[in-house]
Amino acid sequence: MRTYLQPLGYPRRKQSKSRLRSGLLAALLLGAAVVPAAAQECGGDFETWKQGVAAEAKAAGVGAVGLDALEAAAIDDKVLARDRAQGVFAQTFIQFSNRMISAYRLKQGAANLKKYAEIFARADQQFGVQAPIITAFWGLETDFGAVQGDFHTLSALVTLSHDCRRPQLFRPQLVPLLTLIDRGVVPADVTGAWAGEIGQTQILPSDYLARGVDGDGDGIVDLRRSVPDVIMTTANKVLSRGWKRDQPWIEEVRVPEDMPWEQTGRTNKLPLSQWAAWGVTNPDGTPLIDNGLKAGLALPMGRKGPAFLAYDNFDVYLEWNQSFTYALTAANFASRLAGAKQFDPRNPETGLNGDQMKELQTKLEARGYDVGTVDGILGTNTREAIRKEQMRLGMPVDGWPTPELLGKL
């Protein structure tokens, strides 16, 4: 029978539980981070590639249990199919948010805010992250723990790391996951999302190690079953991405018919007094009150669609998920749970369908822009390229792709 050393003070336990002593988390991640990556970063013979991963893991302190799990891991073609078919992000912000912020999620979210009020209060006090922020992620990611995913996590991460499409996103998660398995934190057959996330708010293994918090006081962290652990760990993760205590994230606003549209965009943060001077108001038309903070003006569907002031805290949502549509939906869900009304969709200009978006991206690439993959999805790079072309063509600079713009390129 193989044995492995437990860290000082780490209680041995059955492999079937998903638990972890929080005091060891940062040290484990640090140990993994300083180990150089294997020579073969992606592709090539799979078994040879796994040997490189095994050498890296062993150098980081992963023992026989973790290494045996790696040896048994296999390519999962279903994971590759999911990675290449993220059509959900081809939806507009209005389509996506209306689907994701359902009446059920609003009702269940409100109920959970009351049910776990004491835990949320502790998370707010310790990390400065308000309850609606955590609850929105909880609801969007797994319907409050109901749907945590059934993909074999290790095989998913091995698959995505060996694949050369985006290995830089997934390879750094392998040693942390093998460490979790080796120490009995999660079983070798732990399941989760297709992209390797685990638990009720879909935490990646590196964050599990570095940010896990024992919320229920039992000395162990269980992100699949313990709601207090989930709440506290999620708050810690959000804080680690740069969350600023007691500051807003987004606020819906009303924009005028005309203004210097080239000043819009979430990254161009200006005082509220400047936005007010250009005619931006609260949704009900009352004047903006300068709160001493700076915000960008986010127009997810152009100047005729919904509009939001995006503060520094909104950037944390993009650290959670790089999709602007997802990030704004999560931020809006949190606002709804905090008492905000449903946003005004207004009347956006007709956008482009998937094939038209690919045509637009191809034309932008031909003009020298880096739009990433030509996938028909309106991502950050494509939005920025659109803004530059709108500026060149003398069109309102709002980053929204329209048939008119496509026709002029």
Protein backbone atom coordinates (compact mmCIF):
# COMPACT_ATOMS: atom_id res chain seq x y z
CA MET A 1 0.00 0.00 0.00
CA ARG A 2 1.38 3.40 -0.97
CA THR A 3 1.50 6.15 1.59
CA TYR A 4 2.19 9.85 1.38
CA LEU A 5 3.02 12.50 3.91
CA GLN A 6 0.31 14.73 5.28
CA PRO A 7 1.32 18.32 6.07
CA LEU A 8 1.68 19.22 9.72
CA GLY A 9 -1.75 19.56 11.27
CA TYR A 10 -3.60 18.33 8.19
CA PRO A 11 -6.13 15.68 9.27
CA ARG A 12 -6.29 12.47 7.27
CA ARG A 13 -9.74 11.73 5.96
CA LYS A 14 -11.65 9.63 3.48
CA GLN A 15 -11.09 10.31 -0.20
CA SER A 16 -14.84 10.67 -0.80
CA LYS A 17 -15.03 14.09 0.84
CA SER A 18 -14.02 17.34 -0.85
CA ARG A 19 -12.35 19.17 2.02
CA LEU A 20 -9.22 21.12 2.72
CA ARG A 21 -7.53 22.87 5.62
CA SER A 22 -7.53 26.54 4.62
CA GLY A 23 -4.29 27.41 6.43
CA LEU A 24 -2.26 25.40 3.89
CA LEU A 25 -3.75 26.81 0.72
CA ALA A 26 -1.43 29.69 -0.07
CA ALA A 27 1.66 27.64 0.70
CA LEU A 28 0.56 24.86 -1.63
CA LEU A 29 -0.06 27.24 -4.50
CA LEU A 30 3.26 28.99 -3.93
CA GLY A 31 5.01 25.65 -4.08
CA ALA A 32 3.34 24.84 -7.38
CA ALA A 33 3.98 28.25 -8.88
CA VAL A 34 7.78 28.17 -8.65
CA VAL A 35 8.17 24.89 -10.57
CA PRO A 36 9.19 25.40 -14.22
CA ALA A 37 6.75 24.13 -16.84
CA ALA A 38 7.52 20.93 -18.67
CA ALA A 39 9.34 21.28 -21.98
CA GLN A 40 6.39 20.09 -24.09
CA GLU A 41 3.74 22.73 -23.39
CA CYS A 42 1.04 21.28 -25.65
CA GLY A 43 0.41 18.83 -28.45
CA GLY A 44 2.50 15.86 -29.52
CA ASP A 45 2.21 12.33 -28.23
CA PHE A 46 -0.24 12.39 -25.33
CA GLU A 47 1.52 9.86 -23.10
CA THR A 48 4.87 11.58 -23.61
CA TRP A 49 3.24 14.91 -22.82
CA LYS A 50 1.77 13.48 -19.61
CA GLN A 51 5.23 12.35 -18.54
CA GLY A 52 6.33 15.98 -18.70
CA VAL A 53 3.36 17.02 -16.56
CA ALA A 54 4.16 14.23 -14.11
CA ALA A 55 7.74 15.44 -13.76
CA GLU A 56 6.52 18.97 -13.09
CA ALA A 57 3.99 17.74 -10.54
CA LYS A 58 6.50 15.52 -8.77
CA ALA A 59 8.94 18.42 -8.49
CA ALA A 60 6.13 20.44 -6.89
CA GLY A 61 5.64 17.78 -4.22
CA VAL A 62 2.78 15.77 -5.68
CA GLY A 63 2.97 12.19 -4.48
CA ALA A 64 1.84 8.78 -5.66
CA VAL A 65 -1.91 9.38 -5.32
CA GLY A 66 -1.85 12.44 -7.56
CA LEU A 67 0.56 10.91 -10.05
CA ASP A 68 -1.55 7.76 -10.34
CA ALA A 69 -4.58 9.92 -11.07
CA LEU A 70 -2.67 11.71 -13.82
CA GLU A 71 -1.60 8.41 -15.34
CA ALA A 72 -5.25 7.35 -15.60
CA ALA A 73 -6.46 10.65 -17.10
CA ALA A 74 -7.56 10.56 -20.74
CA ILE A 75 -8.50 12.91 -23.55
CA ASP A 76 -12.20 13.80 -23.46
CA ASP A 77 -13.50 14.67 -26.91
CA LYS A 78 -16.70 16.08 -25.39
CA VAL A 79 -14.61 18.73 -23.64
CA LEU A 80 -13.00 19.77 -26.92
CA ALA A 81 -16.43 20.00 -28.52
CA ARG A 82 -17.68 22.27 -25.74
CA ASP A 83 -14.59 24.46 -25.97
CA ARG A 84 -15.22 25.05 -29.65
CA ALA A 85 -18.96 25.63 -29.42
CA GLN A 86 -19.49 28.52 -27.01
CA GLY A 87 -22.36 29.91 -29.04
CA VAL A 88 -24.00 31.29 -25.92
CA PHE A 89 -21.67 34.29 -26.07
CA ALA A 90 -22.87 35.08 -29.59
CA GLN A 91 -26.11 36.26 -27.97
CA THR A 92 -26.63 39.95 -27.36
CA PHE A 93 -26.47 41.34 -23.86
CA ILE A 94 -30.26 41.72 -23.74
CA GLN A 95 -30.83 38.14 -24.93
CA PHE A 96 -28.28 36.65 -22.57
CA SER A 97 -29.26 38.63 -19.48
CA ASN A 98 -32.98 38.04 -19.97
CA ARG A 99 -32.32 34.31 -20.18
CA MET A 100 -29.86 34.11 -17.31
CA ILE A 101 -31.56 36.45 -14.83
CA SER A 102 -34.75 34.43 -14.60
CA ALA A 103 -37.63 34.92 -12.21
CA TYR A 104 -36.58 31.71 -10.47
CA ARG A 105 -33.03 32.92 -9.93
CA LEU A 106 -34.21 36.26 -8.61
CA LYS A 107 -36.60 34.55 -6.19
CA GLN A 108 -34.12 31.88 -5.09
CA GLY A 109 -31.36 34.45 -4.80
CA ALA A 110 -33.47 36.62 -2.52
CA ALA A 111 -34.33 33.57 -0.41
CA ASN A 112 -30.66 32.64 -0.06
CA LEU A 113 -29.77 36.18 0.94
CA LYS A 114 -32.11 35.78 3.90
CA LYS A 115 -31.27 32.17 4.69
CA TYR A 116 -27.52 32.75 4.85
CA ALA A 117 -27.58 36.35 6.07
CA GLU A 118 -25.18 35.66 8.94
CA ILE A 119 -22.59 34.05 6.66
CA PHE A 120 -22.93 36.83 4.10
CA ALA A 121 -22.44 39.42 6.85
CA ARG A 122 -19.21 37.72 7.90
CA ALA A 123 -18.00 37.62 4.30
CA ASP A 124 -18.75 41.32 3.91
CA GLN A 125 -16.98 42.18 7.16
CA GLN A 126 -13.90 40.08 6.40
CA PHE A 127 -13.53 40.66 2.66
CA GLY A 128 -15.65 43.72 1.87
CA VAL A 129 -17.69 41.87 -0.76
CA GLN A 130 -21.43 42.39 -0.52
CA ALA A 131 -23.90 39.52 -0.44
CA PRO A 132 -25.56 40.25 -3.82
CA ILE A 133 -22.18 39.99 -5.57
CA ILE A 134 -21.58 36.48 -4.25
CA THR A 135 -25.18 35.38 -4.75
CA ALA A 136 -25.23 36.46 -8.39
CA PHE A 137 -22.17 34.36 -9.21
CA TRP A 138 -23.64 31.47 -7.23
CA GLY A 139 -26.87 31.59 -9.21
CA LEU A 140 -25.35 32.07 -12.65
CA GLU A 141 -22.66 29.43 -12.25
CA THR A 142 -24.62 26.48 -10.83
CA ASP A 143 -28.18 27.54 -9.97
CA PHE A 144 -27.08 27.82 -6.34
CA GLY A 145 -25.28 24.50 -6.32
CA ALA A 146 -27.89 22.44 -8.16
CA VAL A 147 -25.89 21.96 -11.39
CA GLN A 148 -22.16 21.71 -10.69
CA GLY A 149 -21.19 19.79 -13.84
CA ASP A 150 -20.49 16.14 -14.59
CA PHE A 151 -17.22 16.37 -16.51
CA HIS A 152 -14.27 14.46 -15.08
CA THR A 153 -12.24 17.46 -13.91
CA LEU A 154 -8.75 16.04 -14.30
CA SER A 155 -9.44 14.64 -17.76
CA ALA A 156 -11.01 17.96 -18.76
CA LEU A 157 -7.96 19.96 -17.69
CA VAL A 158 -5.56 17.45 -19.21
CA THR A 159 -7.51 17.63 -22.47
CA LEU A 160 -7.53 21.43 -22.61
CA SER A 161 -3.89 21.68 -21.56
CA HIS A 162 -2.69 19.21 -24.19
CA ASP A 163 -4.79 20.93 -26.87
CA CYS A 164 -2.87 23.84 -28.40
CA ARG A 165 -5.84 26.19 -28.73
CA ARG A 166 -5.61 27.83 -25.28
CA PRO A 167 -3.20 25.81 -23.12
CA GLN A 168 -1.99 28.89 -21.28
CA LEU A 169 -5.40 29.14 -19.58
CA PHE A 170 -5.56 25.55 -18.38
CA ARG A 171 -2.02 24.23 -17.90
CA PRO A 172 -1.47 26.31 -14.71
CA GLN A 173 -4.42 24.45 -13.13
CA LEU A 174 -2.96 20.95 -13.46
CA VAL A 175 -0.46 20.92 -10.60
CA PRO A 176 -2.93 22.55 -8.17
CA LEU A 177 -5.57 19.95 -9.07
CA LEU A 178 -3.09 17.09 -8.71
CA THR A 179 -2.11 18.54 -5.33
CA LEU A 180 -5.76 18.59 -4.26
CA ILE A 181 -6.15 14.98 -5.33
CA ASP A 182 -2.88 13.89 -3.77
CA ARG A 183 -3.81 15.34 -0.40
CA GLY A 184 -7.27 13.82 -0.43
CA VAL A 185 -9.02 17.15 -0.79
CA VAL A 186 -11.01 16.00 -3.81
CA PRO A 187 -11.24 12.45 -5.20
CA ALA A 188 -9.43 11.54 -8.40
CA ASP A 189 -12.81 11.26 -10.13
CA VAL A 190 -14.06 14.66 -8.98
CA THR A 191 -16.44 16.21 -11.50
CA GLY A 192 -17.29 19.77 -12.43
CA ALA A 193 -17.57 22.09 -15.42
CA TRP A 194 -16.01 21.25 -18.78
CA ALA A 195 -13.33 23.94 -18.28
CA GLY A 196 -12.08 22.51 -14.98
CA GLU A 197 -14.00 24.53 -12.41
CA ILE A 198 -15.16 22.85 -9.20
CA GLY A 199 -17.93 23.57 -6.73
CA GLN A 200 -21.00 25.73 -6.32
CA THR A 201 -19.40 28.89 -7.72
CA GLN A 202 -17.13 27.02 -10.14
CA ILE A 203 -13.72 27.72 -8.61
CA LEU A 204 -10.57 26.71 -10.49
CA PRO A 205 -8.08 24.48 -8.65
CA SER A 206 -5.51 27.26 -8.19
CA ASP A 207 -8.11 29.42 -6.44
CA TYR A 208 -9.31 26.43 -4.44
CA LEU A 209 -5.78 26.16 -3.05
CA ALA A 210 -5.03 29.85 -2.65
CA ARG A 211 -8.41 31.29 -1.62
CA GLY A 212 -10.26 28.47 0.14
CA VAL A 213 -11.85 29.56 3.43
CA ASP A 214 -13.36 27.40 6.14
CA GLY A 215 -16.71 29.13 6.51
CA ASP A 216 -18.47 26.65 8.78
CA GLY A 217 -15.65 26.31 11.31
CA ASP A 218 -15.03 22.59 10.94
CA GLY A 219 -11.39 23.09 9.98
CA ILE A 220 -11.87 21.95 6.39
CA VAL A 221 -13.05 23.51 3.12
CA ASP A 222 -15.69 21.82 0.97
CA LEU A 223 -16.66 23.85 -2.08
CA ARG A 224 -19.12 21.28 -3.36
CA ARG A 225 -21.27 20.77 -0.27
CA SER A 226 -20.66 23.46 2.36
CA VAL A 227 -22.53 26.69 1.60
CA PRO A 228 -20.60 28.70 4.25
CA ASP A 229 -17.33 27.55 2.71
CA VAL A 230 -18.61 28.49 -0.75
CA ILE A 231 -19.70 31.97 0.34
CA MET A 232 -16.50 32.82 2.18
CA THR A 233 -14.22 31.38 -0.50
CA THR A 234 -16.07 33.20 -3.28
CA ALA A 235 -15.75 36.48 -1.38
CA ASN A 236 -12.04 35.86 -0.94
CA LYS A 237 -11.61 35.16 -4.65
CA VAL A 238 -13.50 38.33 -5.62
CA LEU A 239 -11.35 40.38 -3.24
CA SER A 240 -8.19 38.85 -4.69
CA ARG A 241 -9.16 40.17 -8.13
CA GLY A 242 -9.09 43.77 -6.91
CA TRP A 243 -12.52 44.38 -5.37
CA LYS A 244 -12.80 47.73 -3.56
CA ARG A 245 -14.80 47.69 -0.35
CA ASP A 246 -17.97 49.81 -0.19
CA GLN A 247 -17.74 50.92 -3.81
CA PRO A 248 -20.33 50.38 -6.57
CA TRP A 249 -19.85 48.11 -9.58
CA ILE A 250 -22.33 49.33 -12.20
CA GLU A 251 -25.23 51.77 -12.29
CA GLU A 252 -27.79 52.06 -15.05
CA VAL A 253 -28.00 55.51 -16.64
CA ARG A 254 -29.84 57.31 -19.42
CA VAL A 255 -27.78 58.76 -22.26
CA PRO A 256 -28.74 61.73 -24.46
CA GLU A 257 -29.41 61.61 -28.19
CA ASP A 258 -25.98 63.02 -28.88
CA MET A 259 -22.74 63.29 -26.94
CA PRO A 260 -19.03 62.68 -27.60
CA TRP A 261 -19.44 58.95 -28.16
CA GLU A 262 -15.70 58.50 -28.60
CA GLN A 263 -15.43 59.12 -24.84
CA THR A 264 -17.60 56.10 -24.05
CA GLY A 265 -16.36 52.62 -23.22
CA ARG A 266 -15.79 50.94 -19.88
CA THR A 267 -12.04 51.69 -19.77
CA ASN A 268 -12.30 55.47 -20.19
CA LYS A 269 -13.15 56.31 -16.59
CA LEU A 270 -14.19 59.90 -15.92
CA PRO A 271 -15.77 61.77 -12.97
CA LEU A 272 -19.55 61.57 -12.83
CA SER A 273 -19.60 65.35 -13.12
CA GLN A 274 -18.18 65.03 -16.63
CA TRP A 275 -20.78 62.48 -17.70
CA ALA A 276 -23.47 64.74 -16.25
CA ALA A 277 -22.10 67.68 -18.23
CA TRP A 278 -22.58 65.64 -21.41
CA GLY A 279 -26.21 64.93 -20.54
CA VAL A 280 -25.99 61.51 -18.87
CA THR A 281 -28.60 61.16 -16.10
CA ASN A 282 -30.08 58.60 -13.76
CA PRO A 283 -32.62 56.27 -15.41
CA ASP A 284 -35.50 58.46 -14.23
CA GLY A 285 -33.93 61.59 -15.68
CA THR A 286 -32.73 63.05 -12.39
CA PRO A 287 -29.18 64.45 -12.33
CA LEU A 288 -26.23 62.25 -11.47
CA ILE A 289 -24.74 62.95 -8.06
CA ASP A 290 -20.95 63.05 -8.10
CA ASN A 291 -19.76 60.38 -5.66
CA GLY A 292 -16.09 61.20 -6.01
CA LEU A 293 -15.43 58.10 -8.10
CA LYS A 294 -14.63 57.65 -11.77
CA ALA A 295 -16.56 55.40 -14.12
CA GLY A 296 -16.62 54.42 -17.76
CA LEU A 297 -19.80 54.45 -19.82
CA ALA A 298 -20.54 50.92 -21.01
CA LEU A 299 -22.84 50.59 -24.03
CA PRO A 300 -23.23 46.82 -24.57
CA MET A 301 -25.50 47.29 -27.59
CA GLY A 302 -24.46 50.70 -28.80
CA ARG A 303 -25.64 54.23 -28.12
CA LYS A 304 -29.32 53.36 -28.60
CA GLY A 305 -29.33 50.40 -26.23
CA PRO A 306 -29.01 50.03 -22.45
CA ALA A 307 -26.29 52.09 -20.76
CA PHE A 308 -24.34 51.61 -17.54
CA LEU A 309 -21.68 53.45 -15.61
CA ALA A 310 -18.91 50.90 -15.01
CA TYR A 311 -16.72 51.53 -11.95
CA ASP A 312 -13.40 49.93 -11.06
CA ASN A 313 -15.21 47.06 -9.36
CA PHE A 314 -16.75 46.08 -12.68
CA ASP A 315 -13.28 45.12 -13.88
CA VAL A 316 -13.36 42.31 -11.30
CA TYR A 317 -16.26 40.72 -13.19
CA LEU A 318 -14.06 40.55 -16.28
CA GLU A 319 -11.37 38.90 -14.17
CA TRP A 320 -13.97 36.26 -13.27
CA ASN A 321 -15.07 35.77 -16.89
CA GLN A 322 -13.52 37.54 -19.88
CA SER A 323 -16.82 37.67 -21.76
CA PHE A 324 -18.15 41.23 -21.55
CA THR A 325 -21.70 39.93 -21.97
CA TYR A 326 -21.34 37.50 -19.06
CA ALA A 327 -19.58 40.07 -16.88
CA LEU A 328 -22.24 42.72 -17.40
CA THR A 329 -25.00 40.16 -16.84
CA ALA A 330 -23.44 39.05 -13.54
CA ALA A 331 -23.03 42.66 -12.44
CA ASN A 332 -26.62 43.45 -13.40
CA PHE A 333 -27.88 40.35 -11.58
CA ALA A 334 -26.10 41.56 -8.44
CA SER A 335 -27.71 44.98 -8.86
CA ARG A 336 -31.15 43.40 -9.21
CA LEU A 337 -30.59 41.37 -6.02
CA ALA A 338 -29.53 44.60 -4.31
CA GLY A 339 -32.83 46.23 -5.25
CA ALA A 340 -32.28 47.80 -8.67
CA LYS A 341 -35.06 47.72 -11.25
CA GLN A 342 -34.87 45.85 -14.56
CA PHE A 343 -32.80 47.93 -16.98
CA ASP A 344 -34.41 49.80 -19.85
CA PRO A 345 -33.55 47.95 -23.08
CA ARG A 346 -34.37 51.06 -25.13
CA ASN A 347 -34.22 50.47 -28.89
CA PRO A 348 -30.80 49.28 -30.07
CA GLU A 349 -29.85 49.40 -33.71
CA THR A 350 -30.05 46.07 -35.52
CA GLY A 351 -26.83 44.16 -35.01
CA LEU A 352 -25.17 41.46 -37.09
CA ASN A 353 -25.89 37.75 -37.22
CA GLY A 354 -23.13 35.19 -36.76
CA ASP A 355 -22.11 34.98 -40.41
CA GLN A 356 -22.11 38.76 -40.74
CA MET A 357 -19.97 39.06 -37.62
CA LYS A 358 -17.44 36.64 -39.09
CA GLU A 359 -17.41 38.69 -42.30
CA LEU A 360 -16.85 41.84 -40.25
CA GLN A 361 -14.04 40.24 -38.26
CA THR A 362 -12.40 39.03 -41.47
CA LYS A 363 -12.52 42.55 -42.92
CA LEU A 364 -11.10 44.00 -39.71
CA GLU A 365 -8.28 41.46 -39.80
CA ALA A 366 -7.54 42.47 -43.38
CA ARG A 367 -7.13 46.03 -42.13
CA GLY A 368 -4.54 44.90 -39.62
CA TYR A 369 -6.64 44.53 -36.48
CA ASP A 370 -6.16 41.68 -34.03
CA VAL A 371 -9.68 40.40 -33.42
CA GLY A 372 -8.54 37.08 -32.00
CA THR A 373 -10.35 34.11 -33.50
CA VAL A 374 -12.83 34.80 -36.30
CA ASP A 375 -15.72 33.22 -34.42
CA GLY A 376 -18.67 35.55 -34.91
CA ILE A 377 -18.55 36.63 -31.25
CA LEU A 378 -18.33 40.30 -30.28
CA GLY A 379 -15.32 40.15 -27.98
CA THR A 380 -13.16 42.88 -26.49
CA ASN A 381 -10.70 43.02 -29.40
CA THR A 382 -13.47 43.15 -31.97
CA ARG A 383 -15.27 45.94 -30.09
CA GLU A 384 -12.09 48.01 -29.96
CA ALA A 385 -11.43 47.50 -33.67
CA ILE A 386 -15.01 48.54 -34.43
CA ARG A 387 -14.58 51.72 -32.42
CA LYS A 388 -11.43 52.65 -34.34
CA GLU A 389 -13.14 52.05 -37.69
CA GLN A 390 -16.19 54.05 -36.59
CA MET A 391 -13.84 56.90 -35.71
CA ARG A 392 -12.10 56.67 -39.09
CA LEU A 393 -15.40 56.63 -40.96
CA GLY A 394 -16.90 59.53 -39.02
CA MET A 395 -19.59 57.35 -37.43
CA PRO A 396 -20.74 57.53 -33.79
CA VAL A 397 -18.08 55.63 -31.83
CA ASP A 398 -20.08 53.19 -29.71
CA GLY A 399 -18.45 49.83 -30.52
CA TRP A 400 -21.67 48.29 -31.84
CA PRO A 401 -21.49 46.38 -35.16
CA THR A 402 -24.27 47.29 -37.58
CA PRO A 403 -25.08 46.45 -41.21
CA GLU A 404 -24.20 50.06 -42.05
CA LEU A 405 -20.69 49.64 -40.66
CA LEU A 406 -20.22 46.31 -42.43
CA GLY A 407 -21.27 47.90 -45.71
CA LYS A 408 -18.72 50.69 -45.35
CA LEU A 409 -15.74 48.41 -44.75
